[in-house]
PDB file of N, CA and C in Angstrom:
ATOM      1  N   MET A   1      21.003  11.956  51.940  1.00  0.00           N
ATOM      2  CA  MET A   1      21.076  11.777  50.398  1.00  0.00           C
ATOM      3  C   MET A   1      21.324  13.182  49.775  1.00  0.00           C
ATOM      4  N   ASN A   2      22.014  13.177  48.680  1.00  0.00           N
ATOM      5  CA  ASN A   2      22.355  14.293  47.965  1.00  0.00           C
ATOM      6  C   ASN A   2      21.286  14.716  46.827  1.00  0.00           C
ATOM      7  N   PHE A   3      20.448  15.660  47.302  1.00  0.00           N
ATOM      8  CA  PHE A   3      19.293  15.908  46.364  1.00  0.00           C
ATOM      9  C   PHE A   3      19.768  16.557  45.179  1.00  0.00           C
ATOM     10  N   GLU A   4      20.822  17.330  45.183  1.00  0.00           N
ATOM     11  CA  GLU A   4      21.328  17.987  44.052  1.00  0.00           C
ATOM     12  C   GLU A   4      21.819  17.015  43.022  1.00  0.00           C
ATOM     13  N   LEU A   5      22.491  15.883  43.404  1.00  0.00           N
ATOM     14  CA  LEU A   5      22.901  14.892  42.601  1.00  0.00           C
ATOM     15  C   LEU A   5      21.743  14.279  41.923  1.00  0.00           C
ATOM     16  N   ILE A   6      20.669  13.963  42.772  1.00  0.00           N
ATOM     17  CA  ILE A   6      19.365  13.288  42.193  1.00  0.00           C
ATOM     18  C   ILE A   6      18.833  14.197  41.197  1.00  0.00           C
ATOM     19  N   ILE A   7      18.739  15.508  41.434  1.00  0.00           N
ATOM     20  CA  ILE A   7      18.153  16.391  40.398  1.00  0.00           C
ATOM     21  C   ILE A   7      19.022  16.428  39.006  1.00  0.00           C
ATOM     22  N   GLN A   8      20.178  16.433  39.269  1.00  0.00           N
ATOM     23  CA  GLN A   8      21.190  16.424  38.195  1.00  0.00           C
ATOM     24  C   GLN A   8      20.908  15.112  37.236  1.00  0.00           C
ATOM     25  N   LEU A   9      20.765  14.014  37.910  1.00  0.00           N
ATOM     26  CA  LEU A   9      20.735  12.612  37.274  1.00  0.00           C
ATOM     27  C   LEU A   9      19.265  12.773  36.556  1.00  0.00           C
ATOM     28  N   THR A  10      18.208  13.161  37.268  1.00  0.00           N
ATOM     29  CA  THR A  10      16.978  13.052  36.703  1.00  0.00           C
ATOM     30  C   THR A  10      16.792  13.943  35.521  1.00  0.00           C
ATOM     31  N   SER A  11      17.365  15.191  35.620  1.00  0.00           N
ATOM     32  CA  SER A  11      17.285  16.114  34.461  1.00  0.00           C
ATOM     33  C   SER A  11      18.168  15.541  33.224  1.00  0.00           C
ATOM     34  N   LEU A  12      19.216  14.945  33.615  1.00  0.00           N
ATOM     35  CA  LEU A  12      20.060  14.312  32.526  1.00  0.00           C
ATOM     36  C   LEU A  12      19.210  13.007  31.781  1.00  0.00           C
ATOM     37  N   LEU A  13      18.554  12.368  32.622  1.00  0.00           N
ATOM     38  CA  LEU A  13      17.667  11.236  32.185  1.00  0.00           C
ATOM     39  C   LEU A  13      16.632  11.776  31.384  1.00  0.00           C
ATOM     40  N   ILE A  14      15.939  12.823  31.678  1.00  0.00           N
ATOM     41  CA  ILE A  14      14.844  13.357  30.990  1.00  0.00           C
ATOM     42  C   ILE A  14      15.454  13.969  29.566  1.00  0.00           C
ATOM     43  N   THR A  15      16.625  14.583  29.616  1.00  0.00           N
ATOM     44  CA  THR A  15      17.269  15.160  28.576  1.00  0.00           C
ATOM     45  C   THR A  15      17.487  13.932  27.390  1.00  0.00           C
ATOM     46  N   ILE A  16      17.918  12.891  27.909  1.00  0.00           N
ATOM     47  CA  ILE A  16      18.268  11.734  27.027  1.00  0.00           C
ATOM     48  C   ILE A  16      16.968  11.071  26.446  1.00  0.00           C
ATOM     49  N   LEU A  17      16.057  11.108  27.218  1.00  0.00           N
ATOM     50  CA  LEU A  17      14.757  10.565  26.880  1.00  0.00           C
ATOM     51  C   LEU A  17      14.060  11.410  25.787  1.00  0.00           C
ATOM     52  N   LEU A  18      13.910  12.591  26.191  1.00  0.00           N
ATOM     53  CA  LEU A  18      13.136  13.680  25.383  1.00  0.00           C
ATOM     54  C   LEU A  18      13.852  14.258  24.289  1.00  0.00           C
ATOM     55  N   GLY A  19      15.259  14.243  24.201  1.00  0.00           N
ATOM     56  CA  GLY A  19      16.061  14.683  23.127  1.00  0.00           C
ATOM     57  C   GLY A  19      15.544  14.216  21.790  1.00  0.00           C
ATOM     58  N   PRO A  20      15.679  12.886  21.576  1.00  0.00           N
ATOM     59  CA  PRO A  20      15.340  12.282  20.281  1.00  0.00           C
ATOM     60  C   PRO A  20      13.800  12.701  20.011  1.00  0.00           C
ATOM     61  N   LEU A  21      12.882  12.626  20.918  1.00  0.00           N
ATOM     62  CA  LEU A  21      11.680  12.973  20.490  1.00  0.00           C
ATOM     63  C   LEU A  21      11.348  14.315  19.997  1.00  0.00           C
ATOM     64  N   ILE A  22      12.124  15.399  20.624  1.00  0.00           N
ATOM     65  CA  ILE A  22      12.132  16.642  20.252  1.00  0.00           C
ATOM     66  C   ILE A  22      12.679  16.965  18.885  1.00  0.00           C
ATOM     67  N   ILE A  23      13.761  16.287  18.580  1.00  0.00           N
ATOM     68  CA  ILE A  23      14.418  16.217  17.369  1.00  0.00           C
ATOM     69  C   ILE A  23      13.460  15.812  16.221  1.00  0.00           C
ATOM     70  N   GLY A  24      12.933  14.483  16.581  1.00  0.00           N
ATOM     71  CA  GLY A  24      11.954  14.037  15.641  1.00  0.00           C
ATOM     72  C   GLY A  24      10.780  14.950  15.311  1.00  0.00           C
ATOM     73  N   LEU A  25      10.140  15.616  16.314  1.00  0.00           N
ATOM     74  CA  LEU A  25       9.125  16.488  16.080  1.00  0.00           C
ATOM     75  C   LEU A  25       9.511  17.657  15.217  1.00  0.00           C
ATOM     76  N   LEU A  26      10.837  18.192  15.396  1.00  0.00           N
ATOM     77  CA  LEU A  26      11.233  19.285  14.654  1.00  0.00           C
ATOM     78  C   LEU A  26      11.529  18.857  13.161  1.00  0.00           C
ATOM     79  N   ALA A  27      12.124  17.633  13.018  1.00  0.00           N
ATOM     80  CA  ALA A  27      12.315  17.067  11.710  1.00  0.00           C
ATOM     81  C   ALA A  27      10.920  16.864  10.918  1.00  0.00           C
ATOM     82  N   ILE A  28       9.890  16.356  11.615  1.00  0.00           N
ATOM     83  CA  ILE A  28       8.597  16.262  11.049  1.00  0.00           C
ATOM     84  C   ILE A  28       7.984  17.655  10.651  1.00  0.00           C
ATOM     85  N   ARG A  29       8.013  18.622  11.467  1.00  0.00           N
ATOM     86  CA  ARG A  29       7.714  19.874  11.358  1.00  0.00           C
ATOM     87  C   ARG A  29       8.400  20.555  10.115  1.00  0.00           C
ATOM     88  N   GLN A  30       9.565  20.284   9.859  1.00  0.00           N
ATOM     89  CA  GLN A  30      10.524  20.926   8.728  1.00  0.00           C
ATOM     90  C   GLN A  30       9.913  20.247   7.487  1.00  0.00           C
ATOM     91  N   GLU A  31       9.716  18.917   7.470  1.00  0.00           N
ATOM     92  CA  GLU A  31       9.308  18.036   6.398  1.00  0.00           C
ATOM     93  C   GLU A  31       7.877  18.532   5.903  1.00  0.00           C
ATOM     94  N   GLY A  32       7.104  18.930   6.957  1.00  0.00           N
ATOM     95  CA  GLY A  32       5.692  19.538   6.565  1.00  0.00           C
ATOM     96  C   GLY A  32       5.641  20.852   5.814  1.00  0.00           C
ATOM     97  N   LEU A  33       6.771  21.480   6.232  1.00  0.00           N
ATOM     98  CA  LEU A  33       6.923  22.854   5.460  1.00  0.00           C
ATOM     99  C   LEU A  33       7.547  22.598   4.013  1.00  0.00           C
TER     100      LEU A  33
END
């Protein structure tokens, strides 16, 4: 198995899942200011 490919896919999936969450938290923080 190609572990590098697995790591890249996993990191990409994490980025896709956490991206909107981080953007939402930043937006809420800016609205708080």
